[in-house]
Amino acid sequence: MIVLSEADICALLPMEEAIERMRSAFEELAAGKAVNQPRRRLILPTGAVLHSLAGACGEYFGTKIYSTHARHGAHFFFLLFDSATATPLAMMEANYLGQIRTGAASGYATSLMAPSGAAIVGVIGAGFQAASQLEAVRAVRPIGEVRVWSRNELRRREFAQSQGAVAAESAEAAVRGASIVITATNAKEPVLDADWIAPGAHVNAVGSNIASRRELPAALLGRAAVVAVDSLEQARIEAGDIILADHWSNVIELKDWGGRQRPDGITIFKSVGLGLEDVAVGGWVYEKARKAGMGVPWPAGLGS
């Protein structure tokens, strides 16, 4: 068993490969050869929360566990096991693993759902997840213009400078006319209006995986031709955008996407993040680390 650091993950997991791992994982899920276990949360009176989610795909199964506290931060770890023998293979620091695979899931969804010539991206949010979301979209579409808006003006301008984007003066200015829209915020209430979204646009909403929070208004879900989620079972537990709108009539799983039915239809990918996605990229990282001789051996005598 080996231990891999955040730096190891960044060195071994390029976005393009992570998107391909998502493609394989969802194809396996569609074929009934992969398993996902929805996230569980243990909430303490202190405000600390323990989160866990798991999955299995191909030669590997695993679980991500992480702790969060609104005042004291978050700590992420991923454990990988051999499917045939249940042998522990790796323990990984998993903050970047989660960031990259979340971006990659949106990248895969965008490759399926967004117009082939989509070239203008509107981003709402300028934090940790927004950069990887933009990187993933750029990997699958010929993006020429990016506009970003965040309530924090300094972060908005820093993000624009680092990402080659335009710092918009409002959320509406960022997304109106965009062919791809990304929402990656910690908002509790919608961050855009339905009529800002152009016909035929694709939306990736990744900011909320809690039933009481949402980024998208109910009217936008109603306008959409289809809303894809990475897991219906998990979405019914934590996709606040859909739960609070109580709008499920046009919701499908990403694995069941059948193609655009009309060019002017709005499409939405509502991401909640799956344990299966962690396993898909975690297995790849483990294989590359072993070939490269990377990672620190787990101390002898610990575990079994």
C-alpha atoms as a PDB file:
ATOM      1  CA  MET A   1       0.000   0.000   0.000  1.00  0.00           C
ATOM      2  CA  ILE A   2       1.284   3.453  -0.886  1.00  0.00           C
ATOM      3  CA  VAL A   3       0.488   6.991   0.258  1.00  0.00           C
ATOM      4  CA  LEU A   4       0.162   9.725  -2.370  1.00  0.00           C
ATOM      5  CA  SER A   5       0.249  13.454  -1.667  1.00  0.00           C
ATOM      6  CA  GLU A   6      -1.639  16.349  -3.233  1.00  0.00           C
ATOM      7  CA  ALA A   7       1.487  17.132  -5.269  1.00  0.00           C
ATOM      8  CA  ASP A   8       1.536  13.553  -6.575  1.00  0.00           C
ATOM      9  CA  ILE A   9      -2.107  13.834  -7.657  1.00  0.00           C
ATOM     10  CA  CYS A  10      -1.477  17.071  -9.549  1.00  0.00           C
ATOM     11  CA  ALA A  11       1.539  15.553 -11.311  1.00  0.00           C
ATOM     12  CA  LEU A  12      -0.231  12.346 -12.309  1.00  0.00           C
ATOM     13  CA  LEU A  13      -3.770  13.445 -13.252  1.00  0.00           C
ATOM     14  CA  PRO A  14      -4.055  15.771 -16.262  1.00  0.00           C
ATOM     15  CA  MET A  15      -7.555  17.064 -16.980  1.00  0.00           C
ATOM     16  CA  GLU A  16      -7.760  15.443 -20.424  1.00  0.00           C
ATOM     17  CA  GLU A  17      -7.110  12.003 -18.939  1.00  0.00           C
ATOM     18  CA  ALA A  18      -9.545  12.643 -16.079  1.00  0.00           C
ATOM     19  CA  ILE A  19     -12.274  13.386 -18.630  1.00  0.00           C
ATOM     20  CA  GLU A  20     -11.542  10.073 -20.363  1.00  0.00           C
ATOM     21  CA  ARG A  21     -11.756   8.289 -16.996  1.00  0.00           C
ATOM     22  CA  MET A  22     -15.215   9.854 -16.545  1.00  0.00           C
ATOM     23  CA  ARG A  23     -16.220   8.655 -19.990  1.00  0.00           C
ATOM     24  CA  SER A  24     -15.182   5.085 -19.153  1.00  0.00           C
ATOM     25  CA  ALA A  25     -16.838   5.173 -15.734  1.00  0.00           C
ATOM     26  CA  PHE A  26     -20.218   6.335 -17.060  1.00  0.00           C
ATOM     27  CA  GLU A  27     -20.079   3.791 -19.885  1.00  0.00           C
ATOM     28  CA  GLU A  28     -19.446   1.090 -17.277  1.00  0.00           C
ATOM     29  CA  LEU A  29     -22.313   2.469 -15.181  1.00  0.00           C
ATOM     30  CA  ALA A  30     -24.630   2.323 -18.210  1.00  0.00           C
ATOM     31  CA  ALA A  31     -23.582  -1.289 -18.818  1.00  0.00           C
ATOM     32  CA  GLY A  32     -24.291  -2.252 -15.199  1.00  0.00           C
ATOM     33  CA  LYS A  33     -20.608  -2.924 -14.506  1.00  0.00           C
ATOM     34  CA  ALA A  34     -19.978  -0.094 -12.040  1.00  0.00           C
ATOM     35  CA  VAL A  35     -21.478   0.727  -8.633  1.00  0.00           C
ATOM     36  CA  ASN A  36     -21.997   4.011  -6.816  1.00  0.00           C
ATOM     37  CA  GLN A  37     -22.884   4.511  -3.150  1.00  0.00           C
ATOM     38  CA  PRO A  38     -24.380   7.945  -2.358  1.00  0.00           C
ATOM     39  CA  ARG A  39     -22.710  10.288   0.101  1.00  0.00           C
ATOM     40  CA  ARG A  40     -23.483   9.977   3.792  1.00  0.00           C
ATOM     41  CA  ARG A  41     -22.958  12.759   6.321  1.00  0.00           C
ATOM     42  CA  LEU A  42     -22.377  12.612  10.079  1.00  0.00           C
ATOM     43  CA  ILE A  43     -23.192  16.048  11.521  1.00  0.00           C
ATOM     44  CA  LEU A  44     -21.916  17.008  14.971  1.00  0.00           C
ATOM     45  CA  PRO A  45     -23.260  19.706  17.326  1.00  0.00           C
ATOM     46  CA  THR A  46     -19.848  21.434  17.080  1.00  0.00           C
ATOM     47  CA  GLY A  47     -20.456  22.178  13.390  1.00  0.00           C
ATOM     48  CA  ALA A  48     -17.996  19.516  12.253  1.00  0.00           C
ATOM     49  CA  VAL A  49     -19.237  17.132   9.538  1.00  0.00           C
ATOM     50  CA  LEU A  50     -17.858  13.789   8.354  1.00  0.00           C
ATOM     51  CA  HIS A  51     -18.704  12.949   4.724  1.00  0.00           C
ATOM     52  CA  SER A  52     -18.208   9.590   3.001  1.00  0.00           C
ATOM     53  CA  LEU A  53     -18.974   8.298  -0.504  1.00  0.00           C
ATOM     54  CA  ALA A  54     -17.906   5.149  -2.324  1.00  0.00           C
ATOM     55  CA  GLY A  55     -17.912   3.338  -5.638  1.00  0.00           C
ATOM     56  CA  ALA A  56     -16.547   0.415  -7.621  1.00  0.00           C
ATOM     57  CA  CYS A  57     -15.413   0.200 -11.232  1.00  0.00           C
ATOM     58  CA  GLY A  58     -13.320  -2.416 -12.993  1.00  0.00           C
ATOM     59  CA  GLU A  59     -10.335  -3.574 -10.953  1.00  0.00           C
ATOM     60  CA  TYR A  60     -10.894  -1.125  -8.109  1.00  0.00           C
ATOM     61  CA  PHE A  61     -13.260   0.009  -5.391  1.00  0.00           C
ATOM     62  CA  GLY A  62     -12.788   2.752  -2.886  1.00  0.00           C
ATOM     63  CA  THR A  63     -14.145   5.439  -0.632  1.00  0.00           C
ATOM     64  CA  LYS A  64     -13.509   9.128  -0.124  1.00  0.00           C
ATOM     65  CA  ILE A  65     -13.864  10.472   3.391  1.00  0.00           C
ATOM     66  CA  TYR A  66     -13.549  14.099   4.345  1.00  0.00           C
ATOM     67  CA  SER A  67     -14.224  16.363   7.287  1.00  0.00           C
ATOM     68  CA  THR A  68     -15.461  19.931   7.086  1.00  0.00           C
ATOM     69  CA  HIS A  69     -16.084  22.791   9.463  1.00  0.00           C
ATOM     70  CA  ALA A  70     -17.323  26.189   8.344  1.00  0.00           C
ATOM     71  CA  ARG A  71     -14.751  27.949  10.542  1.00  0.00           C
ATOM     72  CA  HIS A  72     -11.821  25.541  10.398  1.00  0.00           C
ATOM     73  CA  GLY A  73     -11.658  24.188   6.856  1.00  0.00           C
ATOM     74  CA  ALA A  74     -11.797  20.772   5.185  1.00  0.00           C
ATOM     75  CA  HIS A  75      -9.606  17.658   4.982  1.00  0.00           C
ATOM     76  CA  PHE A  76      -9.952  15.096   2.163  1.00  0.00           C
ATOM     77  CA  PHE A  77      -8.686  11.502   1.854  1.00  0.00           C
ATOM     78  CA  PHE A  78      -9.317   8.700  -0.629  1.00  0.00           C
ATOM     79  CA  LEU A  79      -8.779   4.971  -0.006  1.00  0.00           C
ATOM     80  CA  LEU A  80      -8.355   2.563  -2.948  1.00  0.00           C
ATOM     81  CA  PHE A  81      -8.738  -1.224  -2.831  1.00  0.00           C
ATOM     82  CA  ASP A  82      -8.357  -4.168  -5.208  1.00  0.00           C
ATOM     83  CA  SER A  83     -11.767  -5.445  -6.363  1.00  0.00           C
ATOM     84  CA  ALA A  84     -10.731  -9.094  -6.600  1.00  0.00           C
ATOM     85  CA  THR A  85      -9.037  -9.455  -3.216  1.00  0.00           C
ATOM     86  CA  ALA A  86     -10.089  -6.385  -1.156  1.00  0.00           C
ATOM     87  CA  THR A  87      -6.372  -5.656  -0.672  1.00  0.00           C
ATOM     88  CA  PRO A  88      -5.708  -2.008   0.266  1.00  0.00           C
ATOM     89  CA  LEU A  89      -3.671  -0.351  -2.479  1.00  0.00           C
ATOM     90  CA  ALA A  90      -3.388   3.354  -1.760  1.00  0.00           C
ATOM     91  CA  MET A  91      -4.308   6.211   0.516  1.00  0.00           C
ATOM     92  CA  MET A  92      -4.376   9.591  -1.222  1.00  0.00           C
ATOM     93  CA  GLU A  93      -4.730  13.166  -0.101  1.00  0.00           C
ATOM     94  CA  ALA A  94      -7.833  14.052  -2.086  1.00  0.00           C
ATOM     95  CA  ASN A  95      -8.518  17.772  -2.197  1.00  0.00           C
ATOM     96  CA  TYR A  96      -7.131  18.117  -5.742  1.00  0.00           C
ATOM     97  CA  LEU A  97      -8.391  14.662  -6.682  1.00  0.00           C
ATOM     98  CA  GLY A  98     -11.930  15.925  -5.973  1.00  0.00           C
ATOM     99  CA  GLN A  99     -11.369  19.242  -7.729  1.00  0.00           C
ATOM    100  CA  ILE A 100     -10.028  17.610 -10.885  1.00  0.00           C
ATOM    101  CA  ARG A 101     -12.653  14.856 -11.078  1.00  0.00           C
ATOM    102  CA  THR A 102     -15.481  17.370 -10.504  1.00  0.00           C
ATOM    103  CA  GLY A 103     -14.176  19.428 -13.394  1.00  0.00           C
ATOM    104  CA  ALA A 104     -13.731  16.287 -15.481  1.00  0.00           C
ATOM    105  CA  ALA A 105     -17.325  15.153 -14.898  1.00  0.00           C
ATOM    106  CA  SER A 106     -18.536  18.515 -16.193  1.00  0.00           C
ATOM    107  CA  GLY A 107     -16.076  18.275 -19.064  1.00  0.00           C
ATOM    108  CA  TYR A 108     -17.487  14.894 -20.033  1.00  0.00           C
ATOM    109  CA  ALA A 109     -21.070  16.181 -19.750  1.00  0.00           C
ATOM    110  CA  THR A 110     -20.141  19.223 -21.842  1.00  0.00           C
ATOM    111  CA  SER A 111     -18.594  17.014 -24.520  1.00  0.00           C
ATOM    112  CA  LEU A 112     -21.946  15.239 -24.841  1.00  0.00           C
ATOM    113  CA  MET A 113     -24.465  18.013 -24.272  1.00  0.00           C
ATOM    114  CA  ALA A 114     -23.062  21.397 -25.347  1.00  0.00           C
ATOM    115  CA  PRO A 115     -23.301  22.652 -28.946  1.00  0.00           C
ATOM    116  CA  SER A 116     -20.275  21.452 -30.913  1.00  0.00           C
ATOM    117  CA  GLY A 117     -19.218  24.994 -31.786  1.00  0.00           C
ATOM    118  CA  ALA A 118     -19.788  26.506 -28.335  1.00  0.00           C
ATOM    119  CA  ALA A 119     -17.196  29.262 -27.964  1.00  0.00           C
ATOM    120  CA  ILE A 120     -18.400  31.685 -25.247  1.00  0.00           C
ATOM    121  CA  VAL A 121     -18.347  30.721 -21.572  1.00  0.00           C
ATOM    122  CA  GLY A 122     -19.973  32.613 -18.715  1.00  0.00           C
ATOM    123  CA  VAL A 123     -18.699  31.695 -15.245  1.00  0.00           C
ATOM    124  CA  ILE A 124     -20.366  32.625 -11.977  1.00  0.00           C
ATOM    125  CA  GLY A 125     -17.952  32.006  -9.124  1.00  0.00           C
ATOM    126  CA  ALA A 126     -14.206  32.565  -8.917  1.00  0.00           C
ATOM    127  CA  GLY A 127     -13.162  30.068  -6.278  1.00  0.00           C
ATOM    128  CA  PHE A 128     -11.522  26.668  -5.969  1.00  0.00           C
ATOM    129  CA  GLN A 129     -13.798  24.761  -8.349  1.00  0.00           C
ATOM    130  CA  ALA A 130     -14.308  27.417 -11.012  1.00  0.00           C
ATOM    131  CA  ALA A 131     -10.810  27.116 -12.500  1.00  0.00           C
ATOM    132  CA  SER A 132     -11.008  23.345 -13.006  1.00  0.00           C
ATOM    133  CA  GLN A 133     -14.493  23.681 -14.465  1.00  0.00           C
ATOM    134  CA  LEU A 134     -13.187  26.146 -17.023  1.00  0.00           C
ATOM    135  CA  GLU A 135     -10.139  23.971 -17.755  1.00  0.00           C
ATOM    136  CA  ALA A 136     -12.389  20.988 -18.458  1.00  0.00           C
ATOM    137  CA  VAL A 137     -14.714  22.937 -20.750  1.00  0.00           C
ATOM    138  CA  ARG A 138     -11.736  24.297 -22.669  1.00  0.00           C
ATOM    139  CA  ALA A 139     -10.539  20.706 -23.162  1.00  0.00           C
ATOM    140  CA  VAL A 140     -13.697  19.705 -25.055  1.00  0.00           C
ATOM    141  CA  ARG A 141     -14.904  22.847 -26.846  1.00  0.00           C
ATOM    142  CA  PRO A 142     -13.198  25.600 -28.935  1.00  0.00           C
ATOM    143  CA  ILE A 143     -13.598  28.355 -26.349  1.00  0.00           C
ATOM    144  CA  GLY A 144     -12.691  31.827 -27.521  1.00  0.00           C
ATOM    145  CA  GLU A 145     -14.243  34.118 -24.885  1.00  0.00           C
ATOM    146  CA  VAL A 146     -14.687  33.730 -21.131  1.00  0.00           C
ATOM    147  CA  ARG A 147     -16.535  36.129 -18.846  1.00  0.00           C
ATOM    148  CA  VAL A 148     -16.527  35.739 -15.070  1.00  0.00           C
ATOM    149  CA  TRP A 149     -18.504  37.296 -12.246  1.00  0.00           C
ATOM    150  CA  SER A 150     -18.185  36.901  -8.494  1.00  0.00           C
ATOM    151  CA  ARG A 151     -19.545  38.967  -5.632  1.00  0.00           C
ATOM    152  CA  ASN A 152     -15.946  39.396  -4.465  1.00  0.00           C
ATOM    153  CA  GLU A 153     -14.489  41.963  -6.847  1.00  0.00           C
ATOM    154  CA  LEU A 154     -10.854  41.188  -6.016  1.00  0.00           C
ATOM    155  CA  ARG A 155     -11.267  37.458  -6.601  1.00  0.00           C
ATOM    156  CA  ARG A 156     -13.230  38.176  -9.786  1.00  0.00           C
ATOM    157  CA  ARG A 157     -10.419  40.277 -11.207  1.00  0.00           C
ATOM    158  CA  GLU A 158      -7.692  37.854 -10.075  1.00  0.00           C
ATOM    159  CA  PHE A 159      -9.558  34.952 -11.675  1.00  0.00           C
ATOM    160  CA  ALA A 160      -9.999  36.907 -14.893  1.00  0.00           C
ATOM    161  CA  GLN A 161      -6.304  37.733 -15.033  1.00  0.00           C
ATOM    162  CA  SER A 162      -5.115  34.189 -14.294  1.00  0.00           C
ATOM    163  CA  GLN A 163      -7.609  32.511 -16.630  1.00  0.00           C
ATOM    164  CA  GLY A 164      -7.520  34.856 -19.592  1.00  0.00           C
ATOM    165  CA  ALA A 165     -11.108  35.962 -18.958  1.00  0.00           C
ATOM    166  CA  VAL A 166     -13.051  39.212 -18.811  1.00  0.00           C
ATOM    167  CA  ALA A 167     -14.216  40.373 -15.380  1.00  0.00           C
ATOM    168  CA  ALA A 168     -17.907  41.087 -15.935  1.00  0.00           C
ATOM    169  CA  GLU A 169     -19.706  43.842 -14.049  1.00  0.00           C
ATOM    170  CA  SER A 170     -22.696  41.655 -13.190  1.00  0.00           C
ATOM    171  CA  ALA A 171     -23.836  38.053 -13.240  1.00  0.00           C
ATOM    172  CA  GLU A 172     -26.147  38.896 -16.127  1.00  0.00           C
ATOM    173  CA  ALA A 173     -23.297  40.399 -18.141  1.00  0.00           C
ATOM    174  CA  ALA A 174     -21.259  37.243 -17.553  1.00  0.00           C
ATOM    175  CA  VAL A 175     -23.835  34.732 -18.785  1.00  0.00           C
ATOM    176  CA  ARG A 176     -26.164  36.516 -21.218  1.00  0.00           C
ATOM    177  CA  GLY A 177     -25.423  35.240 -24.715  1.00  0.00           C
ATOM    178  CA  ALA A 178     -22.974  32.573 -23.500  1.00  0.00           C
ATOM    179  CA  SER A 179     -23.174  29.153 -25.140  1.00  0.00           C
ATOM    180  CA  ILE A 180     -21.840  27.463 -21.976  1.00  0.00           C
ATOM    181  CA  VAL A 181     -22.598  28.665 -18.440  1.00  0.00           C
ATOM    182  CA  ILE A 182     -20.788  27.476 -15.311  1.00  0.00           C
ATOM    183  CA  THR A 183     -22.056  28.068 -11.776  1.00  0.00           C
ATOM    184  CA  ALA A 184     -19.518  27.170  -9.084  1.00  0.00           C
ATOM    185  CA  THR A 185     -20.535  29.080  -5.960  1.00  0.00           C
ATOM    186  CA  ASN A 186     -21.487  28.481  -2.345  1.00  0.00           C
ATOM    187  CA  ALA A 187     -24.782  30.336  -2.815  1.00  0.00           C
ATOM    188  CA  LYS A 188     -27.955  29.278  -1.037  1.00  0.00           C
ATOM    189  CA  GLU A 189     -30.275  30.977  -3.536  1.00  0.00           C
ATOM    190  CA  PRO A 190     -30.213  31.226  -7.364  1.00  0.00           C
ATOM    191  CA  VAL A 191     -27.321  33.215  -8.818  1.00  0.00           C
ATOM    192  CA  LEU A 192     -28.913  33.874 -12.229  1.00  0.00           C
ATOM    193  CA  ASP A 193     -32.280  34.402 -13.908  1.00  0.00           C
ATOM    194  CA  ALA A 194     -33.756  31.928 -16.378  1.00  0.00           C
ATOM    195  CA  ASP A 195     -34.205  34.529 -19.123  1.00  0.00           C
ATOM    196  CA  TRP A 196     -30.465  35.297 -19.134  1.00  0.00           C
ATOM    197  CA  ILE A 197     -29.732  31.880 -20.630  1.00  0.00           C
ATOM    198  CA  ALA A 198     -29.657  31.785 -24.425  1.00  0.00           C
ATOM    199  CA  PRO A 199     -31.593  29.183 -26.433  1.00  0.00           C
ATOM    200  CA  GLY A 200     -29.351  26.203 -27.103  1.00  0.00           C
ATOM    201  CA  ALA A 201     -26.969  26.989 -24.235  1.00  0.00           C
ATOM    202  CA  HIS A 202     -25.547  24.361 -21.906  1.00  0.00           C
ATOM    203  CA  VAL A 203     -25.273  24.909 -18.130  1.00  0.00           C
ATOM    204  CA  ASN A 204     -22.949  23.117 -15.691  1.00  0.00           C
ATOM    205  CA  ALA A 205     -24.150  23.665 -12.107  1.00  0.00           C
ATOM    206  CA  VAL A 206     -21.654  22.312  -9.576  1.00  0.00           C
ATOM    207  CA  GLY A 207     -21.797  24.528  -6.501  1.00  0.00           C
ATOM    208  CA  SER A 208     -24.393  22.750  -4.361  1.00  0.00           C
ATOM    209  CA  ASN A 209     -24.667  19.164  -3.132  1.00  0.00           C
ATOM    210  CA  ILE A 210     -26.943  19.946  -0.204  1.00  0.00           C
ATOM    211  CA  ALA A 211     -30.738  19.681  -0.422  1.00  0.00           C
ATOM    212  CA  SER A 212     -31.300  23.153   1.073  1.00  0.00           C
ATOM    213  CA  ARG A 213     -29.023  25.061  -1.362  1.00  0.00           C
ATOM    214  CA  ARG A 214     -29.345  25.906  -5.040  1.00  0.00           C
ATOM    215  CA  GLU A 215     -27.749  28.018  -7.740  1.00  0.00           C
ATOM    216  CA  LEU A 216     -30.382  27.639 -10.481  1.00  0.00           C
ATOM    217  CA  PRO A 217     -33.949  29.030 -10.406  1.00  0.00           C
ATOM    218  CA  ALA A 218     -36.899  26.701 -10.893  1.00  0.00           C
ATOM    219  CA  ALA A 219     -37.858  28.591 -14.055  1.00  0.00           C
ATOM    220  CA  LEU A 220     -34.591  27.566 -15.720  1.00  0.00           C
ATOM    221  CA  LEU A 221     -35.168  23.884 -14.996  1.00  0.00           C
ATOM    222  CA  GLY A 222     -38.614  24.329 -16.528  1.00  0.00           C
ATOM    223  CA  ARG A 223     -37.160  25.948 -19.658  1.00  0.00           C
ATOM    224  CA  ALA A 224     -34.561  23.220 -20.123  1.00  0.00           C
ATOM    225  CA  ALA A 225     -35.043  20.476 -22.678  1.00  0.00           C
ATOM    226  CA  VAL A 226     -33.208  18.094 -20.346  1.00  0.00           C
ATOM    227  CA  VAL A 227     -31.460  18.128 -16.987  1.00  0.00           C
ATOM    228  CA  ALA A 228     -28.810  15.433 -16.568  1.00  0.00           C
ATOM    229  CA  VAL A 229     -27.483  14.331 -13.171  1.00  0.00           C
ATOM    230  CA  ASP A 230     -24.577  12.017 -12.446  1.00  0.00           C
ATOM    231  CA  SER A 231     -26.854   9.846 -10.237  1.00  0.00           C
ATOM    232  CA  LEU A 232     -30.619  10.076  -9.777  1.00  0.00           C
ATOM    233  CA  GLU A 233     -30.423   8.230  -6.454  1.00  0.00           C
ATOM    234  CA  GLN A 234     -27.917  10.717  -5.078  1.00  0.00           C
ATOM    235  CA  ALA A 235     -29.590  13.724  -6.711  1.00  0.00           C
ATOM    236  CA  ARG A 236     -32.842  12.940  -4.876  1.00  0.00           C
ATOM    237  CA  ILE A 237     -30.890  13.242  -1.630  1.00  0.00           C
ATOM    238  CA  GLU A 238     -28.733  16.311  -2.260  1.00  0.00           C
ATOM    239  CA  ALA A 239     -29.382  18.125  -5.568  1.00  0.00           C
ATOM    240  CA  GLY A 240     -30.952  21.210  -3.997  1.00  0.00           C
ATOM    241  CA  ASP A 241     -31.388  22.893  -7.398  1.00  0.00           C
ATOM    242  CA  ILE A 242     -33.881  20.198  -8.378  1.00  0.00           C
ATOM    243  CA  ILE A 243     -35.270  19.305  -4.951  1.00  0.00           C
ATOM    244  CA  LEU A 244     -36.244  22.885  -4.084  1.00  0.00           C
ATOM    245  CA  ALA A 245     -37.792  23.382  -7.527  1.00  0.00           C
ATOM    246  CA  ASP A 246     -39.593  20.016  -7.185  1.00  0.00           C
ATOM    247  CA  HIS A 247     -39.049  19.572 -10.909  1.00  0.00           C
ATOM    248  CA  TRP A 248     -38.111  16.033 -12.003  1.00  0.00           C
ATOM    249  CA  SER A 249     -40.072  15.577 -15.239  1.00  0.00           C
ATOM    250  CA  ASN A 250     -37.116  16.304 -17.534  1.00  0.00           C
ATOM    251  CA  VAL A 251     -34.344  14.879 -15.331  1.00  0.00           C
ATOM    252  CA  ILE A 252     -32.256  11.946 -16.569  1.00  0.00           C
ATOM    253  CA  GLU A 253     -28.991  10.301 -15.597  1.00  0.00           C
ATOM    254  CA  LEU A 254     -25.945  11.345 -17.594  1.00  0.00           C
ATOM    255  CA  LYS A 255     -25.325   7.731 -18.600  1.00  0.00           C
ATOM    256  CA  ASP A 256     -28.703   7.750 -20.394  1.00  0.00           C
ATOM    257  CA  TRP A 257     -28.043  10.850 -22.526  1.00  0.00           C
ATOM    258  CA  GLY A 258     -29.292  10.208 -26.039  1.00  0.00           C
ATOM    259  CA  GLY A 259     -28.204  13.350 -27.856  1.00  0.00           C
ATOM    260  CA  ARG A 260     -29.704  16.784 -28.529  1.00  0.00           C
ATOM    261  CA  GLN A 261     -33.255  16.653 -29.866  1.00  0.00           C
ATOM    262  CA  ARG A 262     -33.299  20.259 -31.076  1.00  0.00           C
ATOM    263  CA  PRO A 263     -30.555  22.877 -31.463  1.00  0.00           C
ATOM    264  CA  ASP A 264     -32.360  25.577 -29.431  1.00  0.00           C
ATOM    265  CA  GLY A 265     -32.988  23.372 -26.406  1.00  0.00           C
ATOM    266  CA  ILE A 266     -31.251  24.380 -23.167  1.00  0.00           C
ATOM    267  CA  THR A 267     -29.348  21.557 -21.488  1.00  0.00           C
ATOM    268  CA  ILE A 268     -28.231  21.376 -17.856  1.00  0.00           C
ATOM    269  CA  PHE A 269     -25.760  19.115 -16.076  1.00  0.00           C
ATOM    270  CA  LYS A 270     -26.410  19.182 -12.338  1.00  0.00           C
ATOM    271  CA  SER A 271     -23.336  17.672 -10.700  1.00  0.00           C
ATOM    272  CA  VAL A 272     -23.373  16.331  -7.153  1.00  0.00           C
ATOM    273  CA  GLY A 273     -20.114  14.342  -7.277  1.00  0.00           C
ATOM    274  CA  LEU A 274     -19.930  10.559  -7.016  1.00  0.00           C
ATOM    275  CA  GLY A 275     -17.713   8.095  -5.205  1.00  0.00           C
ATOM    276  CA  LEU A 276     -17.568   6.241  -8.516  1.00  0.00           C
ATOM    277  CA  GLU A 277     -15.899   9.284 -10.075  1.00  0.00           C
ATOM    278  CA  ASP A 278     -13.233   9.257  -7.352  1.00  0.00           C
ATOM    279  CA  VAL A 279     -12.557   5.562  -7.977  1.00  0.00           C
ATOM    280  CA  ALA A 280     -12.287   6.126 -11.727  1.00  0.00           C
ATOM    281  CA  VAL A 281      -9.531   8.728 -11.384  1.00  0.00           C
ATOM    282  CA  GLY A 282      -8.017   7.200  -8.239  1.00  0.00           C
ATOM    283  CA  GLY A 283      -7.367   3.912 -10.018  1.00  0.00           C
ATOM    284  CA  TRP A 284      -5.631   5.745 -12.866  1.00  0.00           C
ATOM    285  CA  VAL A 285      -3.457   7.713 -10.438  1.00  0.00           C
ATOM    286  CA  TYR A 286      -2.497   4.529  -8.582  1.00  0.00           C
ATOM    287  CA  GLU A 287      -1.419   2.751 -11.766  1.00  0.00           C
ATOM    288  CA  LYS A 288       0.677   5.715 -12.906  1.00  0.00           C
ATOM    289  CA  ALA A 289       2.247   6.100  -9.471  1.00  0.00           C
ATOM    290  CA  ARG A 290       3.293   2.444  -9.363  1.00  0.00           C
ATOM    291  CA  LYS A 291       4.872   2.637 -12.820  1.00  0.00           C
ATOM    292  CA  ALA A 292       6.726   5.818 -11.874  1.00  0.00           C
ATOM    293  CA  GLY A 293       7.832   4.540  -8.470  1.00  0.00           C
ATOM    294  CA  MET A 294       6.006   7.374  -6.742  1.00  0.00           C
ATOM    295  CA  GLY A 295       4.350   7.364  -3.348  1.00  0.00           C
ATOM    296  CA  VAL A 296       5.473   6.582   0.185  1.00  0.00           C
ATOM    297  CA  PRO A 297       5.004   2.990   1.442  1.00  0.00           C
ATOM    298  CA  TRP A 298       2.360   2.586   4.126  1.00  0.00           C
ATOM    299  CA  PRO A 299       4.131   1.893   7.438  1.00  0.00           C
ATOM    300  CA  ALA A 300       4.668  -1.845   8.029  1.00  0.00           C
ATOM    301  CA  GLY A 301       2.395  -3.283  10.685  1.00  0.00           C
ATOM    302  CA  LEU A 302      -0.393  -0.715  10.235  1.00  0.00           C
ATOM    303  CA  GLY A 303      -3.616  -2.108   8.773  1.00  0.00           C
ATOM    304  CA  SER A 304      -3.904  -5.617   7.389  1.00  0.00           C
END
